[in-house]
Amino acid sequence: MPPADLALLVTALACLGLRLAGVLLAGGLSTDHPLIAWATAVAQATLAAFVTLAIVAPNGALAEIPLNARLAGLAVGMVICLTDRRRLLPALLAGLGTMLVMRGLL
């Protein structure tokens, strides 16, 4: 298994584990508890690291997408995230869609 794939797998499992722990603890902890805040920060930082890696040094199929298309997807995703109460899934989907549209246009 290539190192990048292994890193992605380990990170995905870590994020899943943190989310599972969050679900299990959610009944006993408030949303502003430091443990919940830490888990959220770690999950978001991990996602940010992989998005940065995909933009700056992509490999595989993503390497065939021009840099300006990747940057456009990043910009749209950031705008959606900041305007939609910092919800990550809509931002990721909008950024991905923008990147694919830009690739088609270029």
N, C-alpha and C. Protein backbone atom coordinates (compact mmCIF):
# COMPACT_ATOMS: atom_id res chain seq x y z
N MET A 1 0.85 -1.18 0.00
CA MET A 1 0.00 0.00 0.00
C MET A 1 0.90 1.24 0.00
N PRO A 2 0.63 2.17 -0.93
CA PRO A 2 1.44 3.40 -0.97
C PRO A 2 1.31 4.19 0.33
N PRO A 3 2.38 4.90 0.72
CA PRO A 3 2.35 5.66 1.98
C PRO A 3 1.20 6.66 2.07
N ALA A 4 0.86 7.32 0.97
CA ALA A 4 -0.23 8.30 1.00
C ALA A 4 -1.56 7.61 1.29
N ASP A 5 -1.77 6.43 0.71
CA ASP A 5 -3.01 5.69 0.95
C ASP A 5 -3.07 5.21 2.40
N LEU A 6 -1.94 4.77 2.92
CA LEU A 6 -1.89 4.33 4.31
C LEU A 6 -2.17 5.50 5.25
N ALA A 7 -1.59 6.66 4.95
CA ALA A 7 -1.83 7.85 5.78
C ALA A 7 -3.30 8.23 5.74
N LEU A 8 -3.91 8.17 4.57
CA LEU A 8 -5.33 8.50 4.45
C LEU A 8 -6.19 7.51 5.24
N LEU A 9 -5.86 6.23 5.15
CA LEU A 9 -6.60 5.21 5.87
C LEU A 9 -6.49 5.40 7.39
N VAL A 10 -5.28 5.63 7.87
CA VAL A 10 -5.07 5.83 9.31
C VAL A 10 -5.81 7.08 9.78
N THR A 11 -5.75 8.14 8.99
CA THR A 11 -6.44 9.37 9.36
C THR A 11 -7.94 9.19 9.36
N ALA A 12 -8.46 8.50 8.35
CA ALA A 12 -9.91 8.24 8.30
C ALA A 12 -10.35 7.43 9.51
N LEU A 13 -9.56 6.42 9.88
CA LEU A 13 -9.90 5.61 11.05
C LEU A 13 -9.82 6.44 12.33
N ALA A 14 -8.82 7.31 12.42
CA ALA A 14 -8.70 8.17 13.61
C ALA A 14 -9.90 9.12 13.70
N CYS A 15 -10.28 9.71 12.58
CA CYS A 15 -11.45 10.61 12.58
C CYS A 15 -12.71 9.85 12.94
N LEU A 16 -12.86 8.66 12.40
CA LEU A 16 -14.02 7.85 12.72
C LEU A 16 -14.04 7.50 14.21
N GLY A 17 -12.88 7.16 14.74
CA GLY A 17 -12.79 6.85 16.16
C GLY A 17 -13.13 8.04 17.03
N LEU A 18 -12.65 9.22 16.64
CA LEU A 18 -12.98 10.42 17.40
C LEU A 18 -14.47 10.73 17.33
N ARG A 19 -15.06 10.54 16.17
CA ARG A 19 -16.50 10.79 16.04
C ARG A 19 -17.30 9.78 16.87
N LEU A 20 -16.87 8.53 16.85
CA LEU A 20 -17.54 7.51 17.65
C LEU A 20 -17.44 7.84 19.14
N ALA A 21 -16.25 8.22 19.56
CA ALA A 21 -16.07 8.62 20.96
C ALA A 21 -16.95 9.82 21.29
N GLY A 22 -17.05 10.74 20.35
CA GLY A 22 -17.91 11.91 20.55
C GLY A 22 -19.37 11.52 20.71
N VAL A 23 -19.81 10.56 19.90
CA VAL A 23 -21.19 10.10 20.00
C VAL A 23 -21.43 9.43 21.34
N LEU A 24 -20.48 8.60 21.76
CA LEU A 24 -20.64 7.89 23.03
C LEU A 24 -20.62 8.85 24.22
N LEU A 25 -19.82 9.90 24.12
CA LEU A 25 -19.71 10.84 25.22
C LEU A 25 -20.73 11.97 25.14
N ALA A 26 -21.39 12.11 24.01
CA ALA A 26 -22.26 13.26 23.79
C ALA A 26 -23.38 13.35 24.81
N GLY A 27 -23.87 12.24 25.26
CA GLY A 27 -24.95 12.27 26.25
C GLY A 27 -24.50 12.84 27.58
N GLY A 28 -23.25 12.67 27.91
CA GLY A 28 -22.77 13.12 29.22
C GLY A 28 -21.99 14.42 29.19
N LEU A 29 -21.65 14.89 28.02
CA LEU A 29 -20.86 16.11 27.92
C LEU A 29 -21.63 17.19 27.15
N SER A 30 -21.42 18.42 27.54
CA SER A 30 -22.03 19.51 26.79
C SER A 30 -21.21 19.78 25.53
N THR A 31 -21.80 20.48 24.58
CA THR A 31 -21.10 20.74 23.32
C THR A 31 -19.90 21.66 23.49
N ASP A 32 -19.84 22.40 24.59
CA ASP A 32 -18.68 23.27 24.81
C ASP A 32 -17.65 22.66 25.76
N HIS A 33 -17.78 21.37 26.04
CA HIS A 33 -16.80 20.68 26.89
C HIS A 33 -15.44 20.65 26.18
N PRO A 34 -14.34 20.81 26.90
CA PRO A 34 -13.01 20.83 26.28
C PRO A 34 -12.67 19.56 25.49
N LEU A 35 -13.13 18.41 25.91
CA LEU A 35 -12.86 17.17 25.18
C LEU A 35 -13.54 17.17 23.81
N ILE A 36 -14.76 17.65 23.75
CA ILE A 36 -15.48 17.73 22.48
C ILE A 36 -14.81 18.76 21.58
N ALA A 37 -14.41 19.88 22.15
CA ALA A 37 -13.72 20.92 21.38
C ALA A 37 -12.40 20.38 20.82
N TRP A 38 -11.67 19.62 21.63
CA TRP A 38 -10.39 19.04 21.17
C TRP A 38 -10.63 18.07 20.02
N ALA A 39 -11.62 17.18 20.16
CA ALA A 39 -11.89 16.20 19.11
C ALA A 39 -12.30 16.90 17.81
N THR A 40 -13.09 17.93 17.91
CA THR A 40 -13.49 18.70 16.73
C THR A 40 -12.28 19.35 16.08
N ALA A 41 -11.42 19.93 16.89
CA ALA A 41 -10.22 20.60 16.36
C ALA A 41 -9.30 19.61 15.66
N VAL A 42 -9.11 18.44 16.24
CA VAL A 42 -8.24 17.43 15.63
C VAL A 42 -8.82 16.95 14.30
N ALA A 43 -10.12 16.71 14.26
CA ALA A 43 -10.76 16.25 13.03
C ALA A 43 -10.66 17.31 11.94
N GLN A 44 -10.89 18.57 12.29
CA GLN A 44 -10.81 19.63 11.29
C GLN A 44 -9.37 19.87 10.84
N ALA A 45 -8.42 19.78 11.75
CA ALA A 45 -7.01 19.97 11.38
C ALA A 45 -6.54 18.86 10.45
N THR A 46 -6.97 17.64 10.70
CA THR A 46 -6.60 16.52 9.84
C THR A 46 -7.18 16.71 8.45
N LEU A 47 -8.43 17.11 8.38
CA LEU A 47 -9.06 17.36 7.10
C LEU A 47 -8.33 18.49 6.37
N ALA A 48 -7.99 19.55 7.08
CA ALA A 48 -7.28 20.67 6.47
C ALA A 48 -5.92 20.23 5.93
N ALA A 49 -5.24 19.36 6.64
CA ALA A 49 -3.94 18.87 6.17
C ALA A 49 -4.07 18.09 4.88
N PHE A 50 -5.09 17.25 4.78
CA PHE A 50 -5.25 16.47 3.56
C PHE A 50 -5.73 17.32 2.40
N VAL A 51 -6.55 18.32 2.66
CA VAL A 51 -6.97 19.23 1.59
C VAL A 51 -5.76 20.00 1.08
N THR A 52 -4.93 20.48 2.00
CA THR A 52 -3.72 21.20 1.61
C THR A 52 -2.80 20.32 0.78
N LEU A 53 -2.61 19.10 1.20
CA LEU A 53 -1.77 18.16 0.45
C LEU A 53 -2.35 17.89 -0.94
N ALA A 54 -3.66 17.76 -1.03
CA ALA A 54 -4.30 17.51 -2.32
C ALA A 54 -4.16 18.71 -3.25
N ILE A 55 -4.14 19.91 -2.71
CA ILE A 55 -4.01 21.12 -3.54
C ILE A 55 -2.56 21.32 -3.97
N VAL A 56 -1.65 21.20 -3.03
CA VAL A 56 -0.25 21.54 -3.28
C VAL A 56 0.52 20.42 -3.98
N ALA A 57 0.34 19.20 -3.55
CA ALA A 57 1.14 18.09 -4.09
C ALA A 57 0.24 16.88 -4.37
N PRO A 58 -0.67 17.00 -5.33
CA PRO A 58 -1.57 15.88 -5.59
C PRO A 58 -0.85 14.74 -6.30
N ASN A 59 -1.41 13.56 -6.17
CA ASN A 59 -0.91 12.44 -6.95
C ASN A 59 -2.10 11.66 -7.47
N GLY A 60 -1.85 10.73 -8.34
CA GLY A 60 -2.93 9.96 -8.93
C GLY A 60 -3.78 10.80 -9.86
N ALA A 61 -5.07 10.53 -9.88
CA ALA A 61 -5.98 11.23 -10.80
C ALA A 61 -6.05 12.72 -10.50
N LEU A 62 -5.89 13.11 -9.25
CA LEU A 62 -5.97 14.53 -8.89
C LEU A 62 -4.82 15.33 -9.49
N ALA A 63 -3.69 14.69 -9.74
CA ALA A 63 -2.54 15.37 -10.33
C ALA A 63 -2.82 15.84 -11.75
N GLU A 64 -3.80 15.23 -12.41
CA GLU A 64 -4.15 15.62 -13.78
C GLU A 64 -5.03 16.86 -13.83
N ILE A 65 -5.57 17.27 -12.69
CA ILE A 65 -6.41 18.47 -12.64
C ILE A 65 -5.50 19.68 -12.48
N PRO A 66 -5.69 20.70 -13.33
CA PRO A 66 -4.81 21.88 -13.27
C PRO A 66 -4.88 22.58 -11.91
N LEU A 67 -3.77 23.22 -11.56
CA LEU A 67 -3.68 23.90 -10.27
C LEU A 67 -4.77 24.95 -10.12
N ASN A 68 -5.06 25.72 -11.18
CA ASN A 68 -6.07 26.76 -11.04
C ASN A 68 -7.46 26.18 -10.78
N ALA A 69 -7.75 24.99 -11.27
CA ALA A 69 -9.03 24.33 -10.97
C ALA A 69 -9.06 23.89 -9.52
N ARG A 70 -7.94 23.38 -9.01
CA ARG A 70 -7.88 22.98 -7.60
C ARG A 70 -8.01 24.19 -6.69
N LEU A 71 -7.37 25.31 -7.07
CA LEU A 71 -7.46 26.52 -6.27
C LEU A 71 -8.87 27.12 -6.30
N ALA A 72 -9.54 27.03 -7.44
CA ALA A 72 -10.92 27.52 -7.54
C ALA A 72 -11.83 26.70 -6.62
N GLY A 73 -11.65 25.39 -6.62
CA GLY A 73 -12.43 24.54 -5.72
C GLY A 73 -12.17 24.88 -4.27
N LEU A 74 -10.92 25.14 -3.94
CA LEU A 74 -10.57 25.54 -2.57
C LEU A 74 -11.26 26.85 -2.20
N ALA A 75 -11.20 27.83 -3.09
CA ALA A 75 -11.81 29.14 -2.81
C ALA A 75 -13.32 29.02 -2.59
N VAL A 76 -14.00 28.30 -3.47
CA VAL A 76 -15.45 28.13 -3.31
C VAL A 76 -15.76 27.38 -2.03
N GLY A 77 -15.01 26.34 -1.75
CA GLY A 77 -15.23 25.59 -0.52
C GLY A 77 -15.06 26.44 0.72
N MET A 78 -14.05 27.30 0.72
CA MET A 78 -13.83 28.18 1.86
C MET A 78 -14.97 29.18 2.03
N VAL A 79 -15.43 29.75 0.91
CA VAL A 79 -16.53 30.72 0.98
C VAL A 79 -17.79 30.04 1.52
N ILE A 80 -18.10 28.85 1.02
CA ILE A 80 -19.28 28.13 1.49
C ILE A 80 -19.15 27.80 2.98
N CYS A 81 -17.98 27.36 3.38
CA CYS A 81 -17.77 27.02 4.80
C CYS A 81 -17.97 28.23 5.69
N LEU A 82 -17.43 29.37 5.29
CA LEU A 82 -17.53 30.56 6.12
C LEU A 82 -18.92 31.18 6.12
N THR A 83 -19.69 30.95 5.06
CA THR A 83 -21.03 31.54 5.00
C THR A 83 -22.12 30.58 5.45
N ASP A 84 -21.80 29.30 5.60
CA ASP A 84 -22.81 28.30 5.95
C ASP A 84 -22.54 27.74 7.35
N ARG A 85 -22.33 28.62 8.31
CA ARG A 85 -22.14 28.23 9.71
C ARG A 85 -21.02 27.20 9.90
N ARG A 86 -20.00 27.27 9.08
CA ARG A 86 -18.80 26.41 9.17
C ARG A 86 -19.12 24.92 9.05
N ARG A 87 -20.13 24.61 8.26
CA ARG A 87 -20.45 23.21 8.01
C ARG A 87 -19.51 22.71 6.91
N LEU A 88 -18.80 21.60 7.20
CA LEU A 88 -17.75 21.14 6.30
C LEU A 88 -18.27 20.36 5.09
N LEU A 89 -19.29 19.53 5.27
CA LEU A 89 -19.74 18.70 4.15
C LEU A 89 -20.24 19.54 2.97
N PRO A 90 -21.10 20.54 3.17
CA PRO A 90 -21.50 21.35 2.02
C PRO A 90 -20.31 22.07 1.37
N ALA A 91 -19.36 22.51 2.20
CA ALA A 91 -18.18 23.19 1.66
C ALA A 91 -17.34 22.23 0.82
N LEU A 92 -17.15 21.01 1.30
CA LEU A 92 -16.37 20.03 0.55
C LEU A 92 -17.05 19.67 -0.78
N LEU A 93 -18.35 19.48 -0.73
CA LEU A 93 -19.08 19.13 -1.95
C LEU A 93 -19.06 20.28 -2.95
N ALA A 94 -19.24 21.51 -2.48
CA ALA A 94 -19.19 22.67 -3.38
C ALA A 94 -17.80 22.83 -3.98
N GLY A 95 -16.78 22.67 -3.17
CA GLY A 95 -15.41 22.78 -3.67
C GLY A 95 -15.09 21.70 -4.69
N LEU A 96 -15.51 20.48 -4.42
CA LEU A 96 -15.29 19.39 -5.36
C LEU A 96 -16.03 19.63 -6.66
N GLY A 97 -17.28 20.06 -6.55
CA GLY A 97 -18.06 20.35 -7.76
C GLY A 97 -17.42 21.45 -8.58
N THR A 98 -16.96 22.50 -7.94
CA THR A 98 -16.30 23.60 -8.64
C THR A 98 -15.03 23.13 -9.34
N MET A 99 -14.27 22.31 -8.65
CA MET A 99 -13.03 21.80 -9.24
C MET A 99 -13.33 20.97 -10.48
N LEU A 100 -14.36 20.14 -10.41
CA LEU A 100 -14.71 19.30 -11.57
C LEU A 100 -15.23 20.13 -12.74
N VAL A 101 -16.01 21.15 -12.43
CA VAL A 101 -16.51 22.04 -13.50
C VAL A 101 -15.34 22.80 -14.14
N MET A 102 -14.45 23.31 -13.32
CA MET A 102 -13.27 24.03 -13.84
C MET A 102 -12.41 23.12 -14.70
N ARG A 103 -12.25 21.88 -14.27
CA ARG A 103 -11.46 20.93 -15.07
C ARG A 103 -12.10 20.72 -16.42
N GLY A 104 -13.43 20.62 -16.43
CA GLY A 104 -14.15 20.43 -17.70
C GLY A 104 -14.01 21.64 -18.61
N LEU A 105 -13.95 22.84 -18.03
CA LEU A 105 -13.85 24.06 -18.84
C LEU A 105 -12.42 24.28 -19.37
N LEU A 106 -11.44 23.77 -18.66
CA LEU A 106 -10.04 24.01 -19.07
C LEU A 106 -9.61 23.00 -20.06
